[in-house]
């Protein structure tokens, strides 16, 4: 039970997150979704363009953004919190599906209080955020 309370504290420290499709807040874990575009490379699925979005279809990747041979992978935002979430992210690295850079960025967004606020302000001032669901986090 103690582990569960630590996970809940951690979640509230980083929320709200920003949806990388519409820019609105994701205020609860249940409102969030992690998705990525991947393709088969050397027999393994390799992810790119990983993003945190609202769970609603309006904010999720549409099939018209996919190139031939690409697919969409996704999981509930809550799957990435706590010890099990960290294990999942490390597993994605060891399987070669996620790069170390992708996992580091997700870990900072999900586990470092105020990182989300800082990075969005930084990118907004640098003119690198676009709300078309495609160019955020470049």
C-alpha atoms as a PDB file:
ATOM      1  CA  UNK A   1       0.000   0.000   0.000  1.00  0.00           C
ATOM      2  CA  UNK A   2       2.896   2.347   0.685  1.00  0.00           C
ATOM      3  CA  UNK A   3       4.111   1.973  -2.924  1.00  0.00           C
ATOM      4  CA  UNK A   4       0.699   2.969  -4.244  1.00  0.00           C
ATOM      5  CA  UNK A   5       0.680   6.195  -2.221  1.00  0.00           C
ATOM      6  CA  UNK A   6       4.152   7.092  -3.536  1.00  0.00           C
ATOM      7  CA  UNK A   7       2.938   6.570  -7.089  1.00  0.00           C
ATOM      8  CA  UNK A   8      -0.078   8.804  -6.487  1.00  0.00           C
ATOM      9  CA  UNK A   9       2.120  11.544  -5.039  1.00  0.00           C
ATOM     10  CA  UNK A  10       4.414  11.331  -8.044  1.00  0.00           C
ATOM     11  CA  UNK A  11       1.517  11.610 -10.474  1.00  0.00           C
ATOM     12  CA  UNK A  12       0.140  14.724  -8.829  1.00  0.00           C
ATOM     13  CA  UNK A  13       3.575  16.365  -8.776  1.00  0.00           C
ATOM     14  CA  UNK A  14       3.876  16.264 -12.571  1.00  0.00           C
ATOM     15  CA  UNK A  15       0.245  16.896 -13.499  1.00  0.00           C
ATOM     16  CA  UNK A  16      -1.049  18.679 -15.404  1.00  0.00           C
ATOM     17  CA  UNK A  17       0.760  17.590 -18.542  1.00  0.00           C
ATOM     18  CA  UNK A  18       0.222  19.256 -21.919  1.00  0.00           C
ATOM     19  CA  UNK A  19      -1.380  17.429 -24.811  1.00  0.00           C
ATOM     20  CA  UNK A  20       1.032  17.512 -27.739  1.00  0.00           C
ATOM     21  CA  UNK A  21      -1.863  17.547 -30.215  1.00  0.00           C
ATOM     22  CA  UNK A  22      -4.131  20.329 -28.929  1.00  0.00           C
ATOM     23  CA  UNK A  23      -2.002  22.015 -26.239  1.00  0.00           C
ATOM     24  CA  UNK A  24      -4.649  21.751 -23.523  1.00  0.00           C
ATOM     25  CA  UNK A  25      -3.938  20.343 -20.076  1.00  0.00           C
ATOM     26  CA  UNK A  26      -4.136  16.668 -19.256  1.00  0.00           C
ATOM     27  CA  UNK A  27      -5.255  16.994 -15.634  1.00  0.00           C
ATOM     28  CA  UNK A  28      -5.637  13.332 -14.679  1.00  0.00           C
ATOM     29  CA  UNK A  29      -3.787  10.188 -15.626  1.00  0.00           C
ATOM     30  CA  UNK A  30      -7.017   8.784 -17.031  1.00  0.00           C
ATOM     31  CA  UNK A  31      -7.178  11.662 -19.545  1.00  0.00           C
ATOM     32  CA  UNK A  32      -3.738  10.862 -20.966  1.00  0.00           C
ATOM     33  CA  UNK A  33      -2.386   8.528 -23.595  1.00  0.00           C
ATOM     34  CA  UNK A  34       1.158   7.828 -24.821  1.00  0.00           C
ATOM     35  CA  UNK A  35       1.470   7.034 -28.506  1.00  0.00           C
ATOM     36  CA  UNK A  36       4.193   6.689 -31.101  1.00  0.00           C
ATOM     37  CA  UNK A  37       4.705   5.983 -34.752  1.00  0.00           C
ATOM     38  CA  UNK A  38       6.868   2.968 -35.396  1.00  0.00           C
ATOM     39  CA  UNK A  39       8.220   0.996 -38.297  1.00  0.00           C
ATOM     40  CA  UNK A  40       9.888  -2.348 -38.790  1.00  0.00           C
ATOM     41  CA  UNK A  41      13.692  -2.009 -38.926  1.00  0.00           C
ATOM     42  CA  UNK A  42      15.963  -5.051 -38.931  1.00  0.00           C
ATOM     43  CA  UNK A  43      13.142  -7.238 -37.640  1.00  0.00           C
ATOM     44  CA  UNK A  44      12.218  -4.924 -34.726  1.00  0.00           C
ATOM     45  CA  UNK A  45       9.585  -2.241 -34.292  1.00  0.00           C
ATOM     46  CA  UNK A  46      11.379   1.089 -33.765  1.00  0.00           C
ATOM     47  CA  UNK A  47       9.447   4.079 -32.416  1.00  0.00           C
ATOM     48  CA  UNK A  48       9.713   7.698 -33.403  1.00  0.00           C
ATOM     49  CA  UNK A  49       7.513  10.699 -32.703  1.00  0.00           C
ATOM     50  CA  UNK A  50       6.492   9.570 -29.210  1.00  0.00           C
ATOM     51  CA  UNK A  51       4.027  11.966 -27.646  1.00  0.00           C
ATOM     52  CA  UNK A  52       1.617  12.396 -24.744  1.00  0.00           C
ATOM     53  CA  UNK A  53      -1.914  13.290 -25.816  1.00  0.00           C
ATOM     54  CA  UNK A  54      -5.504  13.173 -24.616  1.00  0.00           C
ATOM     55  CA  UNK A  55      -7.071   9.740 -24.691  1.00  0.00           C
ATOM     56  CA  UNK A  56      -9.806  11.049 -27.030  1.00  0.00           C
ATOM     57  CA  UNK A  57      -9.590  10.156 -30.716  1.00  0.00           C
ATOM     58  CA  UNK A  58      -9.514  13.834 -31.713  1.00  0.00           C
ATOM     59  CA  UNK A  59      -5.993  14.204 -30.299  1.00  0.00           C
ATOM     60  CA  UNK A  60      -4.523  10.859 -31.337  1.00  0.00           C
ATOM     61  CA  UNK A  61      -2.559  10.081 -34.484  1.00  0.00           C
ATOM     62  CA  UNK A  62      -4.665   9.685 -37.582  1.00  0.00           C
ATOM     63  CA  UNK A  63      -3.838   7.133 -40.261  1.00  0.00           C
ATOM     64  CA  UNK A  64      -3.204   9.912 -42.798  1.00  0.00           C
ATOM     65  CA  UNK A  65       0.071  10.881 -41.011  1.00  0.00           C
ATOM     66  CA  UNK A  66       1.543   7.412 -41.523  1.00  0.00           C
ATOM     67  CA  UNK A  67       4.025   6.582 -44.245  1.00  0.00           C
ATOM     68  CA  UNK A  68       4.013   3.140 -45.912  1.00  0.00           C
ATOM     69  CA  UNK A  69       5.265   0.509 -43.467  1.00  0.00           C
ATOM     70  CA  UNK A  70       4.470   2.585 -40.368  1.00  0.00           C
ATOM     71  CA  UNK A  71       2.046   1.818 -37.585  1.00  0.00           C
ATOM     72  CA  UNK A  72       0.888   3.410 -34.349  1.00  0.00           C
ATOM     73  CA  UNK A  73       1.786   1.992 -30.954  1.00  0.00           C
ATOM     74  CA  UNK A  74       0.126   3.236 -27.810  1.00  0.00           C
ATOM     75  CA  UNK A  75      -0.530   2.667 -24.139  1.00  0.00           C
ATOM     76  CA  UNK A  76      -2.449   4.332 -21.348  1.00  0.00           C
ATOM     77  CA  UNK A  77      -0.512   7.135 -19.639  1.00  0.00           C
ATOM     78  CA  UNK A  78      -0.891   5.403 -16.265  1.00  0.00           C
ATOM     79  CA  UNK A  79       1.105   2.422 -17.561  1.00  0.00           C
ATOM     80  CA  UNK A  80       4.245   4.599 -17.497  1.00  0.00           C
ATOM     81  CA  UNK A  81       4.071   5.647 -13.813  1.00  0.00           C
ATOM     82  CA  UNK A  82       5.630   3.951 -10.818  1.00  0.00           C
ATOM     83  CA  UNK A  83       8.074   1.066 -10.714  1.00  0.00           C
ATOM     84  CA  UNK A  84       6.159  -0.851 -13.370  1.00  0.00           C
ATOM     85  CA  UNK A  85       6.207   2.196 -15.631  1.00  0.00           C
ATOM     86  CA  UNK A  86       9.951   2.622 -15.288  1.00  0.00           C
ATOM     87  CA  UNK A  87      10.432  -1.090 -15.965  1.00  0.00           C
ATOM     88  CA  UNK A  88       8.284  -0.745 -19.086  1.00  0.00           C
ATOM     89  CA  UNK A  89      10.406   2.147 -20.358  1.00  0.00           C
ATOM     90  CA  UNK A  90      13.669   0.305 -19.702  1.00  0.00           C
ATOM     91  CA  UNK A  91      12.221  -2.741 -21.457  1.00  0.00           C
ATOM     92  CA  UNK A  92      11.454  -0.564 -24.500  1.00  0.00           C
ATOM     93  CA  UNK A  93      15.137   0.467 -24.590  1.00  0.00           C
ATOM     94  CA  UNK A  94      16.449  -3.080 -24.179  1.00  0.00           C
ATOM     95  CA  UNK A  95      14.161  -4.339 -26.953  1.00  0.00           C
ATOM     96  CA  UNK A  96      15.365  -1.514 -29.206  1.00  0.00           C
ATOM     97  CA  UNK A  97      11.857  -0.108 -29.664  1.00  0.00           C
ATOM     98  CA  UNK A  98      12.532   3.231 -27.907  1.00  0.00           C
ATOM     99  CA  UNK A  99      15.791   5.150 -28.112  1.00  0.00           C
ATOM    100  CA  UNK A 100      17.495   6.336 -24.947  1.00  0.00           C
ATOM    101  CA  UNK A 101      16.591   9.920 -25.896  1.00  0.00           C
ATOM    102  CA  UNK A 102      12.887   9.068 -26.090  1.00  0.00           C
ATOM    103  CA  UNK A 103      12.929   7.315 -22.719  1.00  0.00           C
ATOM    104  CA  UNK A 104      14.904  10.125 -21.056  1.00  0.00           C
ATOM    105  CA  UNK A 105      12.396  12.716 -22.280  1.00  0.00           C
ATOM    106  CA  UNK A 106       9.434  10.643 -21.072  1.00  0.00           C
ATOM    107  CA  UNK A 107      11.078  10.050 -17.691  1.00  0.00           C
ATOM    108  CA  UNK A 108      11.662  13.789 -17.236  1.00  0.00           C
ATOM    109  CA  UNK A 109       8.099  14.639 -18.227  1.00  0.00           C
ATOM    110  CA  UNK A 110       6.561  11.969 -16.010  1.00  0.00           C
ATOM    111  CA  UNK A 111       8.858  12.036 -12.977  1.00  0.00           C
ATOM    112  CA  UNK A 112      10.400  15.509 -12.613  1.00  0.00           C
ATOM    113  CA  UNK A 113       8.149  18.084 -10.958  1.00  0.00           C
ATOM    114  CA  UNK A 114       7.880  21.339 -12.953  1.00  0.00           C
ATOM    115  CA  UNK A 115       9.839  19.936 -15.917  1.00  0.00           C
ATOM    116  CA  UNK A 116       6.712  19.968 -18.062  1.00  0.00           C
ATOM    117  CA  UNK A 117       6.051  23.620 -17.284  1.00  0.00           C
ATOM    118  CA  UNK A 118       9.669  24.560 -17.976  1.00  0.00           C
ATOM    119  CA  UNK A 119       9.994  22.700 -21.289  1.00  0.00           C
ATOM    120  CA  UNK A 120       6.740  24.044 -22.722  1.00  0.00           C
ATOM    121  CA  UNK A 121       7.634  27.617 -21.784  1.00  0.00           C
ATOM    122  CA  UNK A 122      11.097  27.157 -23.284  1.00  0.00           C
ATOM    123  CA  UNK A 123       9.781  25.689 -26.537  1.00  0.00           C
ATOM    124  CA  UNK A 124       6.972  28.236 -26.789  1.00  0.00           C
ATOM    125  CA  UNK A 125       9.447  31.105 -26.503  1.00  0.00           C
ATOM    126  CA  UNK A 126      11.724  29.440 -29.051  1.00  0.00           C
ATOM    127  CA  UNK A 127       8.802  29.174 -31.505  1.00  0.00           C
ATOM    128  CA  UNK A 128       8.993  25.380 -31.702  1.00  0.00           C
ATOM    129  CA  UNK A 129       5.472  24.417 -30.691  1.00  0.00           C
ATOM    130  CA  UNK A 130       2.744  24.062 -33.284  1.00  0.00           C
ATOM    131  CA  UNK A 131      -0.721  22.843 -32.425  1.00  0.00           C
ATOM    132  CA  UNK A 132      -1.277  20.726 -35.535  1.00  0.00           C
ATOM    133  CA  UNK A 133      -0.343  17.551 -33.696  1.00  0.00           C
ATOM    134  CA  UNK A 134       2.730  17.014 -35.813  1.00  0.00           C
ATOM    135  CA  UNK A 135       5.512  19.404 -34.927  1.00  0.00           C
ATOM    136  CA  UNK A 136       5.428  19.546 -31.131  1.00  0.00           C
ATOM    137  CA  UNK A 137       8.577  18.404 -29.343  1.00  0.00           C
ATOM    138  CA  UNK A 138      10.988  19.018 -32.191  1.00  0.00           C
END
